[in-house]
N, C-alpha and C. Protein backbone atom coordinates (compact mmCIF):
# COMPACT_ATOMS: atom_id res chain seq x y z
N PRO A 1 93.48 105.00 145.18
CA PRO A 1 93.25 103.85 144.31
C PRO A 1 94.46 102.93 144.26
N VAL A 2 94.21 101.66 144.08
CA VAL A 2 95.25 100.65 143.98
C VAL A 2 95.83 100.69 142.58
N GLU A 3 97.15 100.83 142.47
CA GLU A 3 97.81 100.87 141.17
C GLU A 3 98.23 99.48 140.71
N ALA A 4 98.57 98.59 141.65
CA ALA A 4 99.06 97.26 141.27
C ALA A 4 98.54 96.22 142.25
N ALA A 5 98.35 95.00 141.76
CA ALA A 5 97.91 93.90 142.61
C ALA A 5 98.56 92.62 142.15
N CYS A 6 98.98 91.84 143.11
CA CYS A 6 99.50 90.50 142.82
C CYS A 6 98.63 89.53 143.60
N LEU A 7 97.93 88.68 142.91
CA LEU A 7 97.02 87.76 143.56
C LEU A 7 97.55 86.34 143.42
N THR A 8 97.50 85.59 144.53
CA THR A 8 97.97 84.22 144.52
C THR A 8 97.12 83.39 145.47
N ASN A 9 97.07 82.06 145.24
CA ASN A 9 96.34 81.21 146.16
C ASN A 9 97.27 80.32 146.96
N LYS A 10 98.57 80.62 146.95
CA LYS A 10 99.51 79.84 147.74
C LYS A 10 99.30 80.15 149.22
N THR A 11 99.12 79.11 150.01
CA THR A 11 98.81 79.32 151.41
C THR A 11 100.00 79.11 152.32
N GLY A 12 101.00 78.36 151.86
CA GLY A 12 102.13 78.07 152.72
C GLY A 12 101.84 76.92 153.68
N ARG A 13 100.63 76.35 153.60
CA ARG A 13 100.26 75.22 154.45
C ARG A 13 100.07 73.99 153.58
N LEU A 14 100.53 72.86 154.05
CA LEU A 14 100.33 71.62 153.32
C LEU A 14 98.88 71.19 153.43
N GLY A 15 98.28 70.89 152.31
CA GLY A 15 96.90 70.41 152.30
C GLY A 15 95.88 71.48 152.60
N GLY A 16 96.30 72.69 152.79
CA GLY A 16 95.38 73.76 153.13
C GLY A 16 94.77 74.40 151.90
N SER A 17 93.64 74.98 152.06
CA SER A 17 93.05 75.73 150.96
C SER A 17 92.43 76.99 151.54
N VAL A 18 92.40 77.99 150.74
CA VAL A 18 91.89 79.28 151.17
C VAL A 18 90.78 79.70 150.22
N CYS A 19 89.70 80.15 150.75
CA CYS A 19 88.62 80.67 149.93
C CYS A 19 88.65 82.19 150.10
N ILE A 20 89.02 82.88 149.03
CA ILE A 20 89.08 84.34 149.13
C ILE A 20 87.97 84.95 148.31
N ARG A 21 87.46 86.05 148.80
CA ARG A 21 86.48 86.82 148.04
C ARG A 21 87.25 87.66 147.05
N PRO A 22 86.91 87.60 145.76
CA PRO A 22 87.66 88.39 144.78
C PRO A 22 87.66 89.87 145.16
N PRO A 23 88.82 90.48 145.17
CA PRO A 23 88.90 91.89 145.55
C PRO A 23 88.35 92.78 144.45
N ASP A 24 88.04 94.00 144.82
CA ASP A 24 87.62 95.00 143.84
C ASP A 24 88.86 95.46 143.10
N LEU A 25 88.93 95.15 141.81
CA LEU A 25 90.10 95.49 141.01
C LEU A 25 89.82 96.64 140.05
N SER A 26 88.79 97.39 140.29
CA SER A 26 88.37 98.42 139.34
C SER A 26 89.41 99.52 139.15
N ASP A 27 90.27 99.77 140.14
CA ASP A 27 91.28 100.81 140.01
C ASP A 27 92.68 100.27 139.73
N VAL A 28 92.81 98.95 139.61
CA VAL A 28 94.12 98.33 139.40
C VAL A 28 94.56 98.54 137.96
N ARG A 29 95.82 98.94 137.79
CA ARG A 29 96.37 99.15 136.45
C ARG A 29 97.39 98.08 136.08
N ILE A 30 97.96 97.39 137.07
CA ILE A 30 98.91 96.31 136.86
C ILE A 30 98.41 95.11 137.65
N LEU A 31 98.24 93.96 136.98
CA LEU A 31 97.70 92.79 137.63
C LEU A 31 98.57 91.59 137.34
N LEU A 32 99.17 91.01 138.37
CA LEU A 32 99.96 89.80 138.25
C LEU A 32 99.14 88.67 138.87
N LEU A 33 98.78 87.69 138.08
CA LEU A 33 97.97 86.58 138.55
C LEU A 33 98.85 85.35 138.62
N ALA A 34 99.16 84.90 139.83
CA ALA A 34 100.05 83.76 140.01
C ALA A 34 99.29 82.64 140.71
N ASP A 35 99.15 81.51 140.03
CA ASP A 35 98.52 80.32 140.61
C ASP A 35 97.12 80.60 141.15
N MET A 36 96.39 81.44 140.47
CA MET A 36 95.04 81.76 140.92
C MET A 36 94.07 80.68 140.49
N LEU A 37 92.96 80.63 141.18
CA LEU A 37 91.91 79.71 140.80
C LEU A 37 91.28 80.19 139.50
N PRO A 38 91.09 79.30 138.52
CA PRO A 38 90.55 79.72 137.23
C PRO A 38 89.16 80.33 137.32
N ALA A 39 88.43 80.00 138.35
CA ALA A 39 87.06 80.47 138.45
C ALA A 39 86.94 81.90 138.97
N MET A 40 88.05 82.53 139.25
CA MET A 40 87.99 83.89 139.78
C MET A 40 87.23 84.78 138.81
N ASN A 41 86.31 85.54 139.33
CA ASN A 41 85.48 86.40 138.50
C ASN A 41 86.16 87.75 138.34
N ILE A 42 86.56 88.06 137.12
CA ILE A 42 87.20 89.34 136.85
C ILE A 42 86.24 90.17 136.00
N GLN A 43 85.84 91.29 136.53
CA GLN A 43 84.88 92.14 135.85
C GLN A 43 85.59 93.11 134.92
N ARG A 44 84.85 94.08 134.40
CA ARG A 44 85.39 95.06 133.46
C ARG A 44 86.54 95.83 134.08
N HIS A 45 87.65 95.89 133.33
CA HIS A 45 88.83 96.62 133.79
C HIS A 45 89.42 97.37 132.62
N GLY A 46 88.74 98.37 132.14
CA GLY A 46 89.18 99.11 130.98
C GLY A 46 90.50 99.83 131.15
N ASP A 47 90.92 100.10 132.37
CA ASP A 47 92.16 100.83 132.61
C ASP A 47 93.35 99.92 132.89
N LEU A 48 93.15 98.61 132.88
CA LEU A 48 94.25 97.70 133.16
C LEU A 48 95.31 97.82 132.07
N LEU A 49 96.54 98.05 132.47
CA LEU A 49 97.62 98.26 131.52
C LEU A 49 98.52 97.03 131.36
N TRP A 50 98.66 96.22 132.41
CA TRP A 50 99.63 95.12 132.37
C TRP A 50 99.04 93.89 133.04
N LEU A 51 99.08 92.77 132.34
CA LEU A 51 98.59 91.51 132.87
C LEU A 51 99.65 90.44 132.67
N ARG A 52 99.98 89.72 133.73
CA ARG A 52 100.96 88.63 133.65
C ARG A 52 100.37 87.41 134.34
N THR A 53 100.40 86.26 133.65
CA THR A 53 99.89 85.03 134.22
C THR A 53 100.59 83.83 133.61
N THR A 54 100.50 82.70 134.28
CA THR A 54 101.04 81.44 133.76
C THR A 54 99.92 80.45 133.49
N SER A 55 98.69 80.86 133.65
CA SER A 55 97.55 79.95 133.53
C SER A 55 96.70 80.28 132.31
N LEU A 56 96.50 79.29 131.46
CA LEU A 56 95.64 79.46 130.29
C LEU A 56 94.19 79.69 130.72
N ALA A 57 93.75 79.02 131.77
CA ALA A 57 92.39 79.20 132.26
C ALA A 57 92.17 80.63 132.74
N ILE A 58 93.15 81.19 133.40
CA ILE A 58 93.04 82.58 133.86
C ILE A 58 92.99 83.52 132.66
N LEU A 59 93.83 83.25 131.67
CA LEU A 59 93.83 84.09 130.48
C LEU A 59 92.44 84.10 129.85
N GLN A 60 91.82 82.94 129.71
CA GLN A 60 90.48 82.86 129.11
C GLN A 60 89.48 83.68 129.93
N THR A 61 89.56 83.58 131.25
CA THR A 61 88.65 84.33 132.12
C THR A 61 88.87 85.83 131.97
N VAL A 62 90.11 86.24 131.96
CA VAL A 62 90.43 87.66 131.87
C VAL A 62 90.04 88.23 130.51
N LEU A 63 90.25 87.47 129.46
CA LEU A 63 89.93 87.97 128.12
C LEU A 63 88.44 88.14 127.90
N ASN A 64 87.62 87.55 128.75
CA ASN A 64 86.18 87.75 128.65
C ASN A 64 85.75 89.08 129.26
N ALA A 65 86.67 89.74 129.95
CA ALA A 65 86.41 91.07 130.49
C ALA A 65 86.77 92.10 129.42
N ASP A 66 86.39 93.34 129.65
CA ASP A 66 86.71 94.42 128.71
C ASP A 66 88.09 94.96 129.05
N LEU A 67 89.08 94.60 128.22
CA LEU A 67 90.46 95.02 128.48
C LEU A 67 90.99 95.83 127.30
N ALA A 68 90.20 96.73 126.81
CA ALA A 68 90.55 97.48 125.61
C ALA A 68 91.84 98.28 125.76
N GLU A 69 92.19 98.68 126.96
CA GLU A 69 93.39 99.51 127.16
C GLU A 69 94.62 98.71 127.57
N LEU A 70 94.52 97.39 127.61
CA LEU A 70 95.66 96.57 128.03
C LEU A 70 96.86 96.82 127.12
N CYS A 71 98.00 97.17 127.72
CA CYS A 71 99.22 97.48 126.97
C CYS A 71 100.24 96.35 127.00
N ILE A 72 100.29 95.61 128.10
CA ILE A 72 101.29 94.56 128.27
C ILE A 72 100.59 93.26 128.66
N LEU A 73 100.87 92.20 127.91
CA LEU A 73 100.35 90.88 128.24
C LEU A 73 101.51 89.90 128.22
N GLN A 74 101.74 89.26 129.36
CA GLN A 74 102.83 88.30 129.49
C GLN A 74 102.25 86.94 129.89
N LEU A 75 102.52 85.94 129.06
CA LEU A 75 102.14 84.56 129.36
C LEU A 75 103.42 83.74 129.38
N GLU A 76 103.57 82.95 130.42
CA GLU A 76 104.79 82.16 130.50
C GLU A 76 104.44 80.72 130.87
N GLY A 77 105.00 79.79 130.10
CA GLY A 77 104.87 78.37 130.41
C GLY A 77 103.48 77.80 130.19
N CYS A 78 102.68 78.41 129.34
CA CYS A 78 101.36 77.87 129.02
C CYS A 78 101.53 76.77 127.97
N SER A 79 102.08 75.64 128.39
CA SER A 79 102.44 74.58 127.46
C SER A 79 101.23 73.89 126.83
N ARG A 80 100.07 73.97 127.46
CA ARG A 80 98.86 73.35 126.89
C ARG A 80 98.17 74.24 125.87
N MET A 81 98.61 75.47 125.74
CA MET A 81 97.99 76.39 124.78
C MET A 81 98.51 76.05 123.38
N THR A 82 97.61 75.62 122.51
CA THR A 82 97.99 75.27 121.14
C THR A 82 97.67 76.39 120.16
N ALA A 83 96.80 77.31 120.57
CA ALA A 83 96.43 78.45 119.72
C ALA A 83 96.10 79.63 120.61
N LEU A 84 96.29 80.82 120.07
CA LEU A 84 95.93 82.02 120.83
C LEU A 84 94.42 82.22 120.78
N PRO A 85 93.82 82.60 121.88
CA PRO A 85 92.37 82.86 121.89
C PRO A 85 92.00 84.00 120.95
N GLU A 86 90.88 83.86 120.29
CA GLU A 86 90.39 84.86 119.33
C GLU A 86 90.20 86.23 119.99
N GLN A 87 89.86 86.24 121.29
CA GLN A 87 89.62 87.50 122.00
C GLN A 87 90.85 88.39 122.01
N LEU A 88 92.01 87.82 121.83
CA LEU A 88 93.24 88.61 121.80
C LEU A 88 93.21 89.64 120.67
N SER A 89 92.47 89.37 119.63
CA SER A 89 92.40 90.30 118.50
C SER A 89 91.75 91.62 118.89
N GLN A 90 91.05 91.66 120.01
CA GLN A 90 90.39 92.88 120.49
C GLN A 90 91.33 93.77 121.30
N LEU A 91 92.52 93.31 121.59
CA LEU A 91 93.47 94.07 122.40
C LEU A 91 94.30 94.98 121.50
N THR A 92 93.64 95.91 120.85
CA THR A 92 94.30 96.76 119.85
C THR A 92 95.25 97.78 120.46
N ALA A 93 95.22 98.00 121.77
CA ALA A 93 96.16 98.92 122.43
C ALA A 93 97.42 98.18 122.89
N LEU A 94 97.46 96.87 122.70
CA LEU A 94 98.59 96.06 123.16
C LEU A 94 99.89 96.51 122.51
N GLN A 95 100.90 96.79 123.35
CA GLN A 95 102.20 97.22 122.87
C GLN A 95 103.27 96.15 123.07
N PHE A 96 103.07 95.29 124.07
CA PHE A 96 104.07 94.26 124.41
C PHE A 96 103.34 92.95 124.63
N LEU A 97 103.68 91.94 123.83
CA LEU A 97 103.09 90.60 123.98
C LEU A 97 104.22 89.60 124.15
N GLU A 98 104.22 88.93 125.29
CA GLU A 98 105.24 87.93 125.58
C GLU A 98 104.56 86.58 125.75
N LEU A 99 104.96 85.63 124.92
CA LEU A 99 104.47 84.26 125.00
C LEU A 99 105.68 83.36 125.23
N ARG A 100 106.27 83.45 126.38
CA ARG A 100 107.53 82.76 126.68
C ARG A 100 107.26 81.31 127.11
N ASN A 101 108.00 80.39 126.48
CA ASN A 101 107.93 78.97 126.81
C ASN A 101 106.53 78.38 126.68
N CYS A 102 105.78 78.84 125.71
CA CYS A 102 104.47 78.26 125.40
C CYS A 102 104.70 77.19 124.35
N SER A 103 105.20 76.04 124.79
CA SER A 103 105.72 75.01 123.89
C SER A 103 104.66 74.34 123.03
N GLY A 104 103.40 74.40 123.39
CA GLY A 104 102.33 73.79 122.60
C GLY A 104 101.88 74.64 121.43
N LEU A 105 102.29 75.89 121.41
CA LEU A 105 101.89 76.83 120.36
C LEU A 105 102.62 76.48 119.06
N THR A 106 101.88 76.15 118.00
CA THR A 106 102.50 75.76 116.73
C THR A 106 102.47 76.87 115.69
N SER A 107 101.51 77.77 115.80
CA SER A 107 101.44 78.89 114.86
C SER A 107 100.70 80.05 115.52
N LEU A 108 100.82 81.20 114.90
CA LEU A 108 100.10 82.38 115.37
C LEU A 108 98.97 82.65 114.39
N PRO A 109 97.85 83.16 114.87
CA PRO A 109 96.70 83.41 113.99
C PRO A 109 96.92 84.65 113.12
N ASN A 110 96.15 84.72 112.04
CA ASN A 110 96.23 85.87 111.14
C ASN A 110 95.79 87.17 111.79
N PHE A 111 94.96 87.09 112.84
CA PHE A 111 94.52 88.33 113.48
C PHE A 111 95.67 89.08 114.14
N MET A 112 96.85 88.50 114.21
CA MET A 112 98.00 89.19 114.79
C MET A 112 98.23 90.52 114.08
N GLY A 113 97.94 90.59 112.80
CA GLY A 113 98.11 91.82 112.04
C GLY A 113 97.23 92.96 112.52
N LYS A 114 96.18 92.66 113.28
CA LYS A 114 95.28 93.69 113.82
C LYS A 114 95.85 94.40 115.03
N LEU A 115 96.90 93.83 115.61
CA LEU A 115 97.50 94.42 116.81
C LEU A 115 98.44 95.55 116.39
N CYS A 116 97.86 96.60 115.87
CA CYS A 116 98.61 97.67 115.20
C CYS A 116 99.55 98.45 116.12
N CYS A 117 99.36 98.42 117.42
CA CYS A 117 100.23 99.15 118.35
C CYS A 117 101.37 98.29 118.88
N LEU A 118 101.40 97.02 118.51
CA LEU A 118 102.39 96.10 119.05
C LEU A 118 103.81 96.53 118.68
N GLN A 119 104.63 96.75 119.71
CA GLN A 119 106.02 97.17 119.51
C GLN A 119 107.00 96.05 119.79
N GLN A 120 106.60 95.13 120.69
CA GLN A 120 107.49 94.02 121.04
C GLN A 120 106.69 92.72 121.07
N LEU A 121 107.22 91.72 120.38
CA LEU A 121 106.62 90.39 120.36
C LEU A 121 107.70 89.39 120.76
N VAL A 122 107.52 88.78 121.93
CA VAL A 122 108.51 87.84 122.46
C VAL A 122 107.90 86.44 122.39
N LEU A 123 108.52 85.59 121.60
CA LEU A 123 108.08 84.21 121.44
C LEU A 123 109.17 83.24 121.90
N ALA A 124 110.06 83.70 122.72
CA ALA A 124 111.22 82.91 123.18
C ALA A 124 110.78 81.61 123.82
N GLY A 125 111.41 80.53 123.41
CA GLY A 125 111.13 79.23 123.99
C GLY A 125 109.87 78.56 123.49
N CYS A 126 109.23 79.10 122.48
CA CYS A 126 108.05 78.46 121.89
C CYS A 126 108.55 77.39 120.92
N VAL A 127 109.02 76.29 121.48
CA VAL A 127 109.72 75.26 120.70
C VAL A 127 108.82 74.54 119.70
N GLY A 128 107.51 74.62 119.86
CA GLY A 128 106.59 73.99 118.92
C GLY A 128 106.20 74.88 117.75
N LEU A 129 106.60 76.17 117.81
CA LEU A 129 106.21 77.14 116.78
C LEU A 129 106.83 76.76 115.43
N ILE A 130 105.97 76.52 114.44
CA ILE A 130 106.40 76.08 113.11
C ILE A 130 106.40 77.23 112.11
N GLU A 131 105.43 78.15 112.26
CA GLU A 131 105.32 79.24 111.29
C GLU A 131 104.75 80.50 111.92
N LEU A 132 105.05 81.61 111.26
CA LEU A 132 104.48 82.90 111.62
C LEU A 132 103.46 83.25 110.54
N PRO A 133 102.42 83.99 110.89
CA PRO A 133 101.42 84.33 109.89
C PRO A 133 101.93 85.39 108.91
N VAL A 134 101.38 85.38 107.72
CA VAL A 134 101.72 86.39 106.72
C VAL A 134 101.35 87.78 107.23
N SER A 135 100.30 87.86 108.03
CA SER A 135 99.83 89.15 108.55
C SER A 135 100.84 89.83 109.46
N ILE A 136 101.91 89.15 109.84
CA ILE A 136 102.91 89.77 110.72
C ILE A 136 103.51 91.01 110.05
N GLY A 137 103.48 91.06 108.75
CA GLY A 137 103.99 92.22 108.01
C GLY A 137 103.17 93.48 108.24
N GLN A 138 101.97 93.34 108.79
CA GLN A 138 101.10 94.49 109.08
C GLN A 138 101.45 95.17 110.40
N LEU A 139 102.34 94.56 111.16
CA LEU A 139 102.73 95.11 112.46
C LEU A 139 103.80 96.18 112.27
N THR A 140 103.43 97.27 111.67
CA THR A 140 104.39 98.31 111.30
C THR A 140 105.02 99.01 112.51
N ALA A 141 104.41 98.92 113.68
CA ALA A 141 104.98 99.53 114.89
C ALA A 141 105.99 98.59 115.57
N LEU A 142 106.09 97.34 115.11
CA LEU A 142 106.95 96.35 115.75
C LEU A 142 108.41 96.76 115.67
N GLN A 143 109.06 96.79 116.83
CA GLN A 143 110.47 97.16 116.93
C GLN A 143 111.34 95.97 117.32
N ARG A 144 110.74 95.02 118.05
CA ARG A 144 111.51 93.87 118.54
C ARG A 144 110.70 92.60 118.33
N LEU A 145 111.34 91.60 117.73
CA LEU A 145 110.75 90.29 117.54
C LEU A 145 111.75 89.27 118.06
N ASP A 146 111.41 88.61 119.16
CA ASP A 146 112.31 87.65 119.80
C ASP A 146 111.84 86.24 119.47
N LEU A 147 112.62 85.55 118.66
CA LEU A 147 112.32 84.18 118.26
C LEU A 147 113.36 83.20 118.81
N SER A 148 114.06 83.58 119.86
CA SER A 148 115.09 82.72 120.40
C SER A 148 114.48 81.41 120.93
N TRP A 149 115.15 80.33 120.66
CA TRP A 149 114.75 78.99 121.06
C TRP A 149 113.45 78.52 120.41
N CYS A 150 113.07 79.13 119.30
CA CYS A 150 111.95 78.62 118.48
C CYS A 150 112.56 77.65 117.48
N THR A 151 112.92 76.49 117.96
CA THR A 151 113.75 75.55 117.21
C THR A 151 113.05 74.91 116.01
N GLN A 152 111.73 74.90 115.98
CA GLN A 152 110.99 74.31 114.85
C GLN A 152 110.71 75.32 113.74
N LEU A 153 110.95 76.59 114.02
CA LEU A 153 110.70 77.65 113.05
C LEU A 153 111.85 77.69 112.05
N SER A 154 111.59 77.28 110.82
CA SER A 154 112.68 77.19 109.84
C SER A 154 112.66 78.30 108.81
N THR A 155 111.51 78.91 108.57
CA THR A 155 111.42 80.02 107.61
C THR A 155 110.56 81.13 108.18
N LEU A 156 110.75 82.30 107.62
CA LEU A 156 109.94 83.46 107.98
C LEU A 156 109.13 83.87 106.76
N PRO A 157 107.93 84.40 106.95
CA PRO A 157 107.15 84.84 105.80
C PRO A 157 107.83 86.02 105.08
N ASP A 158 107.62 86.13 103.79
CA ASP A 158 108.21 87.23 103.02
C ASP A 158 107.80 88.59 103.55
N THR A 159 106.62 88.67 104.15
CA THR A 159 106.12 89.95 104.65
C THR A 159 106.94 90.50 105.81
N ILE A 160 107.85 89.71 106.32
CA ILE A 160 108.71 90.19 107.42
C ILE A 160 109.51 91.41 106.96
N GLY A 161 109.73 91.52 105.67
CA GLY A 161 110.44 92.66 105.10
C GLY A 161 109.66 93.96 105.19
N GLN A 162 108.36 93.88 105.47
CA GLN A 162 107.53 95.08 105.60
C GLN A 162 107.67 95.72 106.99
N LEU A 163 108.37 95.06 107.88
CA LEU A 163 108.55 95.57 109.24
C LEU A 163 109.70 96.56 109.27
N THR A 164 109.46 97.73 108.73
CA THR A 164 110.51 98.73 108.57
C THR A 164 110.99 99.31 109.90
N GLY A 165 110.18 99.22 110.94
CA GLY A 165 110.59 99.73 112.26
C GLY A 165 111.32 98.71 113.10
N LEU A 166 111.46 97.50 112.59
CA LEU A 166 112.10 96.42 113.35
C LEU A 166 113.56 96.75 113.62
N GLN A 167 113.92 96.77 114.90
CA GLN A 167 115.29 97.10 115.30
C GLN A 167 116.04 95.87 115.79
N LYS A 168 115.29 94.88 116.30
CA LYS A 168 115.96 93.70 116.84
C LYS A 168 115.15 92.45 116.48
N LEU A 169 115.84 91.53 115.81
CA LEU A 169 115.22 90.25 115.44
C LEU A 169 116.03 89.13 116.04
């Protein structure tokens, strides 16, 4: 079985395009999606542990699949994303969430408190982030909260004091 896959549509040819048949990803546990076509059909992947992408369209497509066991989700540079998709609330096994340089993100939804296994939340470079939800205090497993370069974030909710496992802020 395939443990990891990195899919890309870069051809290395100017003006060229490639039409690929989506591979069978049923045994993949780590999936890096780089510059993929948003229309790629991703089916049920209950065993997927790690997903990394820079495309909001890909994220929407992937979140429509069954990813109940997803442990790591990394999004980088999704500047057009102004809110997190509601489907993220179903990723209750998520342990690491990185939303790096998602400059259009202004706030996090209250469903963040449902991500009970979350140990690391990286919001570095989310320069548009104005506030954190009160529900962040429900993330009792959280050990690391990275708010570096969140220049618009001026206050933290009082519930931040409920994060007794927090080791690095």
